[in-house]
Amino acid sequence: MKSSEQSASRRLGVATIDQIISGASNFLIALLAAQLLDIESFGLFGIILLVNVVVLGGARALVSEPLLLHPEEAEQRPGDVISSACVLGLSIGVILVLCGLAARPLDGDLGEGLMILGVFSPLMVLQDVGRYLGFATRRPSSALTLDVTWLTLQLGAIASLVASDLSSLQAYVAAWAGAGALAGLIVFWQHRGVRPRLDISWLKETWGFSWRYFVSYTATQGSGLLAAILIRAIAGARALGGVQGALLLQRPFMTFQVAVMASGVGEVARVADDRALVRRMVRKLTILTGGAALLNGVLLVLVPDSVGRAVLGDTWSVAQHLVWAAAAQILVLGLITGFRTGMLGMRAIDRAVVIDVATTVLALVFSTAGAFAGGAEPAMWGAAAASAIGLVMWAVVFHRHTRDE
């Protein structure tokens, strides 16, 4: 048993390194945008990033999350998984292009940015599914290859932007999304023994529970996108830029959190019948993610003004007032991570969906009310308060679930 836990720790280590690199790719392009774009354009770029999070989260819920709960099928049927990812990615791409066309008369930059994202999103979806195939089959090094490639390509794209003195929103979206799309092509090479086709058999077979993941992910991620849109409408683009800057400073922990969940859910799923072992794994994960969140939060509130301005540029003038709320929120999210990983690993998705939807509604209501009350700072505190209520719900439901069964 100890050897098994040590192997799981090693895989978690590789998965964490992979997620750090994945997060670094997004952090790098967002950091450059904060430096060289004005606050309003940076806010729009944040919306496009959130759109990508929503669509990737939806695709991940429908295709990738079932892989973590059925790792044996991930090893036996990678072709079916990749085929479903191709169909889903193409569908998402078409929808995003149409949304961009619809948004263009209202905001040309935002509309064109969405269209560019739509062109590249099919291969970006494939890149993400390829990463999860690596996690599910206990070969996180393949995920690491995909993300190192994305980062390398993105560095080249960023260098080209700087050399060409390009500072448009469209150029940033193309640099970030185009690099991810090119990296996605590697998935075909990694699984060159299978022949992808336009087939959704994997989606059909896992639909019985994957739709619950879809509801959960789109609710949580979609609320963030809707909140951003409402904050911009209520408090203005400058306030939205400040919120996006504060969220950017949370990125180190969020990167680590995703790595822990991606690896942890699969590990819990393999020992789900042993409730004592599950509780022990969840305690370790909670200590791990709680400590990482605390470290990120302390660094966030102690960041010198000169460093904040160097990192975020003009956006720091708004974001610096949000650091305490941002630190409180990530600390709560760090404590939630272990419980959520345990519940998903035990396939208690019905209960997880209820909590996700409830906290989503609370976050949307509290952050919108905060924006009405006083702009960006009360909006951030509203989101943190909703997360704190969610922590209580996750802890109570997890302990009842492991005690009753």
Protein backbone atom coordinates (compact mmCIF):
# COMPACT_ATOMS: atom_id res chain seq x y z
CA MET A 1 0.00 0.00 0.00
CA LYS A 2 2.86 2.34 0.87
CA SER A 3 4.48 1.63 -2.52
CA SER A 4 1.19 2.43 -4.24
CA GLU A 5 0.93 5.74 -2.41
CA GLN A 6 4.54 6.58 -3.31
CA SER A 7 3.82 5.87 -6.98
CA ALA A 8 0.76 8.08 -6.79
CA SER A 9 2.89 10.84 -5.25
CA ARG A 10 5.42 10.57 -8.09
CA ARG A 11 2.66 10.80 -10.70
CA LEU A 12 1.18 13.76 -8.86
CA GLY A 13 4.62 15.39 -8.98
CA VAL A 14 4.87 15.01 -12.76
CA ALA A 15 1.26 16.16 -13.16
CA THR A 16 2.01 19.21 -11.02
CA ILE A 17 5.05 20.09 -13.13
CA ASP A 18 2.92 19.69 -16.24
CA GLN A 19 0.22 21.95 -14.87
CA ILE A 20 2.79 24.54 -13.83
CA ILE A 21 4.00 24.64 -17.43
CA SER A 22 0.42 24.75 -18.71
CA GLY A 23 -0.38 27.59 -16.37
CA ALA A 24 2.86 29.35 -17.27
CA SER A 25 1.79 29.40 -20.93
CA ASN A 26 -1.45 31.19 -20.09
CA PHE A 27 0.18 33.36 -17.42
CA LEU A 28 2.85 34.51 -19.85
CA ILE A 29 0.42 35.67 -22.52
CA ALA A 30 -1.84 37.30 -19.90
CA LEU A 31 1.14 39.01 -18.29
CA LEU A 32 2.27 40.45 -21.60
CA ALA A 33 -1.28 41.61 -22.29
CA ALA A 34 -1.41 43.35 -18.90
CA GLN A 35 1.89 45.06 -19.68
CA LEU A 36 1.22 46.28 -23.20
CA LEU A 37 -2.56 46.55 -23.60
CA ASP A 38 -4.59 49.31 -22.01
CA ILE A 39 -6.87 48.36 -19.11
CA GLU A 40 -10.00 48.17 -21.27
CA SER A 41 -8.39 45.86 -23.85
CA PHE A 42 -6.96 43.71 -21.07
CA GLY A 43 -10.46 43.33 -19.67
CA LEU A 44 -11.69 42.14 -23.07
CA PHE A 45 -8.79 39.72 -23.30
CA GLY A 46 -9.86 38.40 -19.90
CA ILE A 47 -13.34 37.74 -21.26
CA ILE A 48 -11.88 35.76 -24.17
CA LEU A 49 -9.77 33.75 -21.73
CA LEU A 50 -12.89 33.05 -19.68
CA VAL A 51 -14.77 31.96 -22.81
CA ASN A 52 -11.97 29.50 -23.49
CA VAL A 53 -12.14 28.22 -19.91
CA VAL A 54 -15.88 27.66 -20.28
CA VAL A 55 -15.69 25.80 -23.59
CA LEU A 56 -12.66 23.73 -22.56
CA GLY A 57 -14.35 22.98 -19.25
CA GLY A 58 -17.45 21.78 -21.07
CA ALA A 59 -15.41 19.60 -23.44
CA ARG A 60 -13.37 18.31 -20.51
CA ALA A 61 -16.55 17.38 -18.64
CA LEU A 62 -18.00 15.48 -21.58
CA VAL A 63 -14.85 13.70 -22.78
CA SER A 64 -11.97 13.91 -20.31
CA GLU A 65 -13.56 13.56 -16.86
CA PRO A 66 -15.05 10.13 -17.70
CA LEU A 67 -11.49 9.03 -18.55
CA LEU A 68 -10.37 9.62 -14.97
CA LEU A 69 -13.19 7.46 -13.62
CA HIS A 70 -12.66 4.70 -16.21
CA PRO A 71 -8.87 4.62 -16.67
CA GLU A 72 -8.91 1.09 -18.07
CA GLU A 73 -11.00 2.28 -21.03
CA ALA A 74 -8.61 5.16 -21.59
CA GLU A 75 -5.89 2.58 -22.22
CA GLN A 76 -8.07 0.38 -24.42
CA ARG A 77 -10.03 2.94 -26.47
CA PRO A 78 -7.99 6.10 -27.10
CA GLY A 79 -9.27 6.24 -30.68
CA ASP A 80 -12.90 6.60 -29.58
CA VAL A 81 -11.93 9.33 -27.13
CA ILE A 82 -9.95 11.29 -29.75
CA SER A 83 -12.74 10.89 -32.32
CA SER A 84 -15.33 12.32 -29.94
CA ALA A 85 -12.95 15.16 -29.08
CA CYS A 86 -12.58 16.01 -32.77
CA VAL A 87 -16.34 16.20 -33.32
CA LEU A 88 -16.88 18.22 -30.16
CA GLY A 89 -13.99 20.58 -30.94
CA LEU A 90 -15.26 21.29 -34.45
CA SER A 91 -18.73 22.01 -33.08
CA ILE A 92 -17.33 24.40 -30.47
CA GLY A 93 -15.27 26.15 -33.15
CA VAL A 94 -18.31 26.80 -35.33
CA ILE A 95 -20.30 28.14 -32.37
CA LEU A 96 -17.50 30.51 -31.33
CA VAL A 97 -17.10 31.88 -34.85
CA LEU A 98 -20.85 32.53 -35.03
CA CYS A 99 -20.77 34.22 -31.61
CA GLY A 100 -17.88 36.37 -32.80
CA LEU A 101 -19.81 37.42 -35.88
CA ALA A 102 -22.79 38.32 -33.72
CA ALA A 103 -20.64 40.31 -31.26
CA ARG A 104 -18.68 42.18 -33.90
CA PRO A 105 -21.26 44.97 -34.50
CA LEU A 106 -21.33 45.65 -30.75
CA ASP A 107 -17.60 45.41 -30.07
CA GLY A 108 -15.34 44.80 -33.04
CA ASP A 109 -12.26 43.78 -31.06
CA LEU A 110 -14.16 41.30 -28.90
CA GLY A 111 -16.00 39.83 -31.88
CA GLU A 112 -12.82 39.32 -33.91
CA GLY A 113 -11.06 37.85 -30.89
CA LEU A 114 -13.83 35.28 -30.47
CA MET A 115 -13.67 34.40 -34.15
CA ILE A 116 -9.92 33.79 -33.93
CA LEU A 117 -10.46 31.62 -30.86
CA GLY A 118 -13.12 29.67 -32.76
CA VAL A 119 -10.74 28.91 -35.62
CA PHE A 120 -8.13 27.42 -33.29
CA SER A 121 -10.40 25.84 -30.65
CA PRO A 122 -10.83 22.39 -32.30
CA LEU A 123 -7.14 21.60 -31.90
CA MET A 124 -7.03 23.29 -28.48
CA VAL A 125 -9.77 20.92 -27.31
CA LEU A 126 -7.75 18.01 -28.70
CA GLN A 127 -4.64 19.20 -26.87
CA ASP A 128 -6.54 19.26 -23.58
CA VAL A 129 -8.04 15.81 -24.13
CA GLY A 130 -4.56 14.49 -24.95
CA ARG A 131 -3.36 15.75 -21.58
CA TYR A 132 -6.13 13.90 -19.76
CA LEU A 133 -5.42 10.72 -21.68
CA GLY A 134 -1.93 10.95 -20.17
CA PHE A 135 -3.28 11.46 -16.65
CA ALA A 136 -5.83 8.64 -16.93
CA THR A 137 -3.30 6.12 -18.24
CA ARG A 138 -0.73 7.07 -15.58
CA ARG A 139 1.58 8.54 -18.20
CA PRO A 140 1.62 12.23 -17.25
CA SER A 141 4.86 12.65 -19.21
CA SER A 142 2.79 12.66 -22.41
CA ALA A 143 0.78 15.56 -21.02
CA LEU A 144 4.05 17.25 -20.13
CA THR A 145 5.20 16.94 -23.75
CA LEU A 146 2.05 18.66 -24.99
CA ASP A 147 2.36 21.58 -22.60
CA VAL A 148 6.10 22.07 -23.06
CA THR A 149 5.46 22.28 -26.80
CA TRP A 150 2.69 24.83 -26.26
CA LEU A 151 4.93 26.95 -24.05
CA THR A 152 7.83 26.80 -26.51
CA LEU A 153 5.64 27.79 -29.44
CA GLN A 154 4.07 30.55 -27.40
CA LEU A 155 7.46 31.98 -26.49
CA GLY A 156 8.23 32.17 -30.19
CA ALA A 157 4.90 33.85 -30.91
CA ILE A 158 5.41 36.36 -28.10
CA ALA A 159 8.89 37.19 -29.37
CA SER A 160 7.40 37.84 -32.79
CA LEU A 161 4.77 40.15 -31.30
CA VAL A 162 7.36 42.15 -29.42
CA ALA A 163 9.70 42.34 -32.43
CA SER A 164 6.86 43.46 -34.68
CA ASP A 165 5.55 45.94 -32.10
CA LEU A 166 2.08 44.43 -32.37
CA SER A 167 -0.22 45.33 -29.50
CA SER A 168 -3.70 44.51 -30.76
CA LEU A 169 -6.11 42.22 -28.95
CA GLN A 170 -6.40 40.06 -32.06
CA ALA A 171 -2.63 39.49 -32.17
CA TYR A 172 -2.55 38.29 -28.58
CA VAL A 173 -5.42 35.88 -29.11
CA ALA A 174 -3.74 34.47 -32.23
CA ALA A 175 -0.39 34.04 -30.45
CA TRP A 176 -1.91 32.20 -27.50
CA ALA A 177 -4.55 30.10 -29.27
CA GLY A 178 -2.47 29.38 -32.36
CA ALA A 179 0.38 27.97 -30.26
CA GLY A 180 -2.06 25.71 -28.40
CA ALA A 181 -3.59 24.51 -31.65
CA LEU A 182 -0.21 23.56 -33.11
CA ALA A 183 0.62 21.68 -29.90
CA GLY A 184 -2.67 19.80 -30.24
CA LEU A 185 -1.44 18.19 -33.46
CA ILE A 186 1.03 16.17 -31.36
CA VAL A 187 -1.88 14.14 -29.96
CA PHE A 188 -2.24 12.47 -33.37
CA TRP A 189 1.43 11.49 -33.21
CA GLN A 190 1.23 10.25 -29.62
CA HIS A 191 -1.66 7.96 -30.60
CA ARG A 192 -0.57 7.22 -34.13
CA GLY A 193 -1.68 3.59 -33.77
CA VAL A 194 -5.34 4.65 -33.89
CA ARG A 195 -7.26 6.25 -36.74
CA PRO A 196 -9.46 9.19 -35.66
CA ARG A 197 -12.87 9.50 -37.26
CA LEU A 198 -15.95 11.68 -36.93
CA ASP A 199 -17.60 9.51 -34.30
CA ILE A 200 -19.22 10.25 -30.92
CA SER A 201 -19.50 6.72 -29.51
CA TRP A 202 -17.50 7.69 -26.41
CA LEU A 203 -19.83 10.61 -25.76
CA LYS A 204 -22.90 8.39 -26.14
CA GLU A 205 -21.62 5.67 -23.83
CA THR A 206 -20.57 8.02 -21.04
CA TRP A 207 -23.50 10.41 -21.34
CA GLY A 208 -25.29 8.79 -18.38
CA PHE A 209 -22.98 10.60 -15.97
CA SER A 210 -20.89 12.97 -18.12
CA TRP A 211 -23.85 15.33 -18.51
CA ARG A 212 -23.67 15.90 -14.75
CA TYR A 213 -20.03 16.94 -15.10
CA PHE A 214 -21.09 19.20 -17.94
CA VAL A 215 -23.74 20.91 -15.82
CA SER A 216 -21.28 21.31 -12.95
CA TYR A 217 -18.45 22.72 -15.07
CA THR A 218 -20.53 25.03 -17.20
CA ALA A 219 -22.32 26.33 -14.11
CA THR A 220 -19.12 27.15 -12.24
CA GLN A 221 -17.12 28.44 -15.19
CA GLY A 222 -20.07 30.06 -16.91
CA SER A 223 -20.87 32.06 -13.78
CA GLY A 224 -17.36 33.52 -13.88
CA LEU A 225 -17.87 34.63 -17.47
CA LEU A 226 -21.31 36.07 -16.71
CA ALA A 227 -19.99 37.84 -13.62
CA ALA A 228 -17.22 39.41 -15.72
CA ILE A 229 -19.76 40.65 -18.26
CA LEU A 230 -22.00 42.05 -15.51
CA ILE A 231 -19.10 43.76 -13.74
CA ARG A 232 -18.14 45.43 -17.00
CA ALA A 233 -21.74 46.53 -17.59
CA ILE A 234 -22.25 47.75 -14.00
CA ALA A 235 -18.86 49.10 -12.92
CA GLY A 236 -17.16 49.67 -16.28
CA ALA A 237 -14.29 48.21 -18.27
CA ARG A 238 -11.68 49.68 -15.91
CA ALA A 239 -13.13 47.78 -12.93
CA LEU A 240 -13.24 44.60 -15.01
CA GLY A 241 -9.58 45.06 -15.92
CA GLY A 242 -8.73 45.34 -12.22
CA VAL A 243 -10.63 42.15 -11.40
CA GLN A 244 -8.88 40.32 -14.23
CA GLY A 245 -5.55 41.56 -12.88
CA ALA A 246 -6.35 40.22 -9.40
CA LEU A 247 -7.39 36.88 -10.90
CA LEU A 248 -4.09 36.80 -12.77
CA LEU A 249 -2.27 37.03 -9.45
CA GLN A 250 -4.23 33.97 -8.27
CA ARG A 251 -2.96 31.96 -11.22
CA PRO A 252 -0.04 30.21 -9.46
CA PHE A 253 -2.37 28.51 -6.99
CA MET A 254 -5.09 27.82 -9.56
CA THR A 255 -2.48 26.09 -11.71
CA PHE A 256 -1.49 23.86 -8.81
CA GLN A 257 -5.13 23.17 -7.92
CA VAL A 258 -5.97 21.90 -11.41
CA ALA A 259 -2.95 19.57 -11.32
CA VAL A 260 -3.97 18.12 -7.97
CA MET A 261 -7.53 17.49 -9.13
CA ALA A 262 -6.54 16.05 -12.51
CA SER A 263 -4.26 13.50 -10.88
CA GLY A 264 -6.13 13.10 -7.59
CA VAL A 265 -9.54 12.17 -9.01
CA GLY A 266 -8.04 9.25 -10.92
CA GLU A 267 -6.09 8.06 -7.88
CA VAL A 268 -9.16 8.21 -5.62
CA ALA A 269 -11.25 6.40 -8.23
CA ARG A 270 -8.89 3.42 -8.09
CA VAL A 271 -9.35 3.01 -4.30
CA ALA A 272 -12.89 4.34 -3.97
CA ASP A 273 -14.12 1.22 -2.13
CA ASP A 274 -11.67 1.78 0.72
CA ARG A 275 -13.27 4.74 2.50
CA ALA A 276 -10.52 4.96 5.14
CA LEU A 277 -7.88 5.29 2.42
CA VAL A 278 -10.00 7.86 0.60
CA ARG A 279 -10.29 9.97 3.75
CA ARG A 280 -6.52 9.76 4.27
CA MET A 281 -5.85 10.82 0.67
CA VAL A 282 -8.29 13.72 0.97
CA ARG A 283 -6.63 14.92 4.18
CA LYS A 284 -3.25 14.94 2.44
CA LEU A 285 -4.65 16.76 -0.57
CA THR A 286 -6.36 19.34 1.64
CA ILE A 287 -3.15 20.05 3.55
CA LEU A 288 -1.23 20.23 0.28
CA THR A 289 -3.60 22.59 -1.54
CA GLY A 290 -4.40 24.61 1.58
CA GLY A 291 -0.69 25.23 2.13
CA ALA A 292 -0.17 26.22 -1.49
CA ALA A 293 -3.14 28.60 -1.32
CA LEU A 294 -1.86 30.17 1.89
CA LEU A 295 1.57 30.74 0.33
CA ASN A 296 0.05 32.32 -2.77
CA GLY A 297 -2.22 34.48 -0.63
CA VAL A 298 0.60 35.74 1.60
CA LEU A 299 2.73 36.60 -1.42
CA LEU A 300 -0.24 38.34 -2.99
CA VAL A 301 -0.95 40.68 -0.07
CA LEU A 302 2.76 41.39 0.52
CA VAL A 303 3.66 42.17 -3.07
CA PRO A 304 5.43 45.56 -3.22
CA ASP A 305 3.80 48.29 -5.27
CA SER A 306 6.78 48.38 -7.63
CA VAL A 307 6.51 44.64 -8.31
CA GLY A 308 2.74 44.83 -8.84
CA ARG A 309 3.16 47.64 -11.31
CA ALA A 310 5.93 45.77 -13.10
CA VAL A 311 3.74 42.67 -13.41
CA LEU A 312 0.38 44.25 -14.25
CA GLY A 313 1.30 47.66 -15.64
CA ASP A 314 -1.53 50.21 -15.43
CA THR A 315 -3.94 47.47 -14.33
CA TRP A 316 -2.18 47.40 -10.93
CA SER A 317 -3.74 50.76 -9.99
CA VAL A 318 -7.12 48.98 -9.71
CA ALA A 319 -6.01 45.44 -8.86
CA GLN A 320 -3.96 46.49 -5.79
CA HIS A 321 -7.18 47.23 -3.91
CA LEU A 322 -8.46 43.69 -4.52
CA VAL A 323 -5.55 41.61 -3.17
CA TRP A 324 -7.03 40.87 0.26
CA ALA A 325 -10.28 39.62 -1.24
CA ALA A 326 -8.35 37.58 -3.81
CA ALA A 327 -6.16 36.04 -1.08
CA ALA A 328 -9.19 35.11 1.01
CA GLN A 329 -10.86 33.47 -1.96
CA ILE A 330 -7.91 31.28 -2.95
CA LEU A 331 -7.43 30.14 0.66
CA VAL A 332 -11.02 28.91 0.74
CA LEU A 333 -10.64 27.28 -2.68
CA GLY A 334 -7.51 25.53 -1.43
CA LEU A 335 -9.46 23.96 1.41
CA ILE A 336 -12.27 22.92 -0.93
CA THR A 337 -10.00 21.09 -3.38
CA GLY A 338 -9.44 17.93 -1.32
CA PHE A 339 -13.13 17.41 -0.57
CA ARG A 340 -14.15 18.01 -4.17
CA THR A 341 -11.47 15.65 -5.48
CA GLY A 342 -12.63 12.94 -3.09
CA MET A 343 -16.29 13.28 -4.02
CA LEU A 344 -15.58 13.18 -7.76
CA GLY A 345 -13.21 10.24 -7.35
CA MET A 346 -15.96 8.32 -5.50
CA ARG A 347 -18.31 9.12 -8.41
CA ALA A 348 -20.66 11.10 -6.18
CA ILE A 349 -21.28 13.45 -9.08
CA ASP A 350 -24.97 14.02 -8.24
CA ARG A 351 -24.06 15.59 -4.90
CA ALA A 352 -21.18 17.50 -6.46
CA VAL A 353 -23.48 19.04 -9.08
CA VAL A 354 -25.89 20.27 -6.41
CA ILE A 355 -23.08 21.99 -4.50
CA ASP A 356 -21.54 23.45 -7.66
CA VAL A 357 -24.83 24.90 -8.86
CA ALA A 358 -25.67 26.28 -5.40
CA THR A 359 -22.28 27.99 -4.98
CA THR A 360 -22.45 29.25 -8.56
CA VAL A 361 -25.74 31.01 -7.90
CA LEU A 362 -24.38 32.45 -4.66
CA ALA A 363 -21.19 33.68 -6.33
CA LEU A 364 -23.11 35.33 -9.16
CA VAL A 365 -25.58 37.02 -6.81
CA PHE A 366 -22.97 38.14 -4.28
CA SER A 367 -20.47 39.44 -6.86
CA THR A 368 -23.14 41.26 -8.85
CA ALA A 369 -24.56 42.83 -5.69
CA GLY A 370 -21.04 43.88 -4.71
CA ALA A 371 -20.48 45.49 -8.10
CA PHE A 372 -23.70 47.47 -7.68
CA ALA A 373 -22.72 48.46 -4.14
CA GLY A 374 -19.22 49.70 -4.77
CA GLY A 375 -17.51 48.33 -7.86
CA ALA A 376 -14.70 45.82 -8.17
CA GLU A 377 -13.65 45.36 -4.51
CA PRO A 378 -17.08 44.46 -3.08
CA ALA A 379 -17.61 42.19 -6.09
CA MET A 380 -14.44 40.25 -5.22
CA TRP A 381 -15.43 39.96 -1.55
CA GLY A 382 -18.85 38.69 -2.63
CA ALA A 383 -17.24 35.90 -4.65
CA ALA A 384 -15.00 35.02 -1.67
CA ALA A 385 -18.00 34.84 0.67
CA ALA A 386 -19.81 32.50 -1.71
CA SER A 387 -16.74 30.25 -1.82
CA ALA A 388 -16.66 30.14 2.00
CA ILE A 389 -20.26 28.93 2.10
CA GLY A 390 -19.33 26.34 -0.52
CA LEU A 391 -16.46 25.09 1.68
CA VAL A 392 -18.89 24.32 4.50
CA MET A 393 -21.17 22.43 2.11
CA TRP A 394 -18.31 20.38 0.62
CA ALA A 395 -16.93 19.42 4.03
CA VAL A 396 -20.31 18.37 5.45
CA VAL A 397 -21.32 16.35 2.38
CA PHE A 398 -17.93 14.60 2.12
CA HIS A 399 -17.90 13.51 5.75
CA ARG A 400 -21.48 12.26 5.54
CA HIS A 401 -20.78 10.39 2.34
CA THR A 402 -17.69 8.58 3.64
CA ARG A 403 -19.37 7.85 6.96
CA ASP A 404 -22.64 6.51 5.54
CA GLU A 405 -21.03 4.21 3.01
